[in-house]
Amino acid sequence: MSRCCPHEDEKHQLLTTCQEVIHYPSEDYPCLCAALAADGSGKCAECGHKDTSHVVTRICTECGCSSAVRE
């Protein structure tokens, strides 16, 4: 059983999102990095932002509830 609902751990998926904002002269938009590729340097190898900028969330595929794994 998981921590957020009565469904088994196998029914949950991890979703990783980067919270950084990319600034361009015409607009600002969120980073689209969907995976934390930690390389030991404190930065994500995928997008180059700090690994602490990535939020990992567990989402249940049965009921849709979610809980933060790492913020």
Protein backbone atom coordinates (compact mmCIF):
# COMPACT_ATOMS: atom_id res chain seq x y z
CA MET A 1 0.00 0.00 0.00
CA SER A 2 1.24 3.52 -0.76
CA ARG A 3 1.35 6.53 1.55
CA CYS A 4 -1.21 8.63 -0.33
CA CYS A 5 -4.01 6.12 -0.99
CA PRO A 6 -4.95 2.45 -0.51
CA HIS A 7 -3.64 1.39 -3.94
CA GLU A 8 -0.46 -0.66 -4.31
CA ASP A 9 2.91 0.96 -5.09
CA GLU A 10 2.88 -0.63 -8.57
CA LYS A 11 -0.15 1.53 -9.44
CA HIS A 12 1.93 4.70 -8.99
CA GLN A 13 4.19 6.51 -11.45
CA LEU A 14 6.85 9.12 -10.77
CA LEU A 15 6.51 12.49 -12.47
CA THR A 16 9.48 14.85 -12.45
CA THR A 17 9.12 18.53 -13.31
CA CYS A 18 11.66 21.35 -13.35
CA GLN A 19 10.43 24.51 -11.63
CA GLU A 20 12.90 26.88 -13.33
CA VAL A 21 11.71 29.58 -15.73
CA ILE A 22 13.57 30.20 -18.98
CA HIS A 23 13.90 33.87 -19.88
CA TYR A 24 13.97 35.10 -23.44
CA PRO A 25 13.65 38.74 -24.53
CA SER A 26 10.10 38.27 -25.81
CA GLU A 27 8.68 35.95 -23.12
CA ASP A 28 9.30 33.75 -20.09
CA TYR A 29 8.22 30.11 -20.06
CA PRO A 30 8.67 27.09 -17.78
CA CYS A 31 11.46 24.60 -18.37
CA LEU A 32 10.08 21.55 -20.18
CA CYS A 33 12.55 19.08 -18.62
CA ALA A 34 10.57 16.01 -17.56
CA ALA A 35 13.38 13.96 -16.03
CA LEU A 36 16.01 14.60 -13.42
CA ALA A 37 19.31 13.36 -14.78
CA ALA A 38 21.53 14.00 -11.74
CA ASP A 39 25.19 13.86 -12.66
CA GLY A 40 26.68 14.46 -9.21
CA SER A 41 27.53 18.09 -9.90
CA GLY A 42 24.30 19.43 -8.36
CA LYS A 43 22.84 20.14 -11.80
CA CYS A 44 20.52 18.21 -14.07
CA ALA A 45 22.43 16.83 -17.08
CA GLU A 46 19.22 17.12 -19.13
CA CYS A 47 18.43 20.84 -18.73
CA GLY A 48 21.38 22.29 -16.78
CA HIS A 49 19.28 23.67 -13.92
CA LYS A 50 19.98 22.88 -10.27
CA ASP A 51 18.81 19.41 -9.27
CA THR A 52 16.99 21.01 -6.32
CA SER A 53 14.78 22.83 -8.87
CA HIS A 54 13.18 19.52 -9.80
CA VAL A 55 10.09 18.27 -8.00
CA VAL A 56 9.37 14.53 -8.02
CA THR A 57 5.72 13.55 -7.49
CA ARG A 58 4.12 10.11 -7.15
CA ILE A 59 0.82 9.89 -9.04
CA CYS A 60 -1.66 7.04 -8.69
CA THR A 61 -2.91 5.67 -12.01
CA GLU A 62 -6.05 4.33 -10.30
CA CYS A 63 -7.43 7.33 -8.43
CA GLY A 64 -5.22 10.24 -9.56
CA CYS A 65 -4.04 11.27 -6.10
CA SER A 66 -0.49 12.55 -5.79
CA SER A 67 2.17 13.12 -3.17
CA ALA A 68 5.50 14.90 -3.36
CA VAL A 69 8.49 12.59 -3.12
CA ARG A 70 11.13 15.31 -3.25
CA GLU A 71 10.70 19.07 -3.45
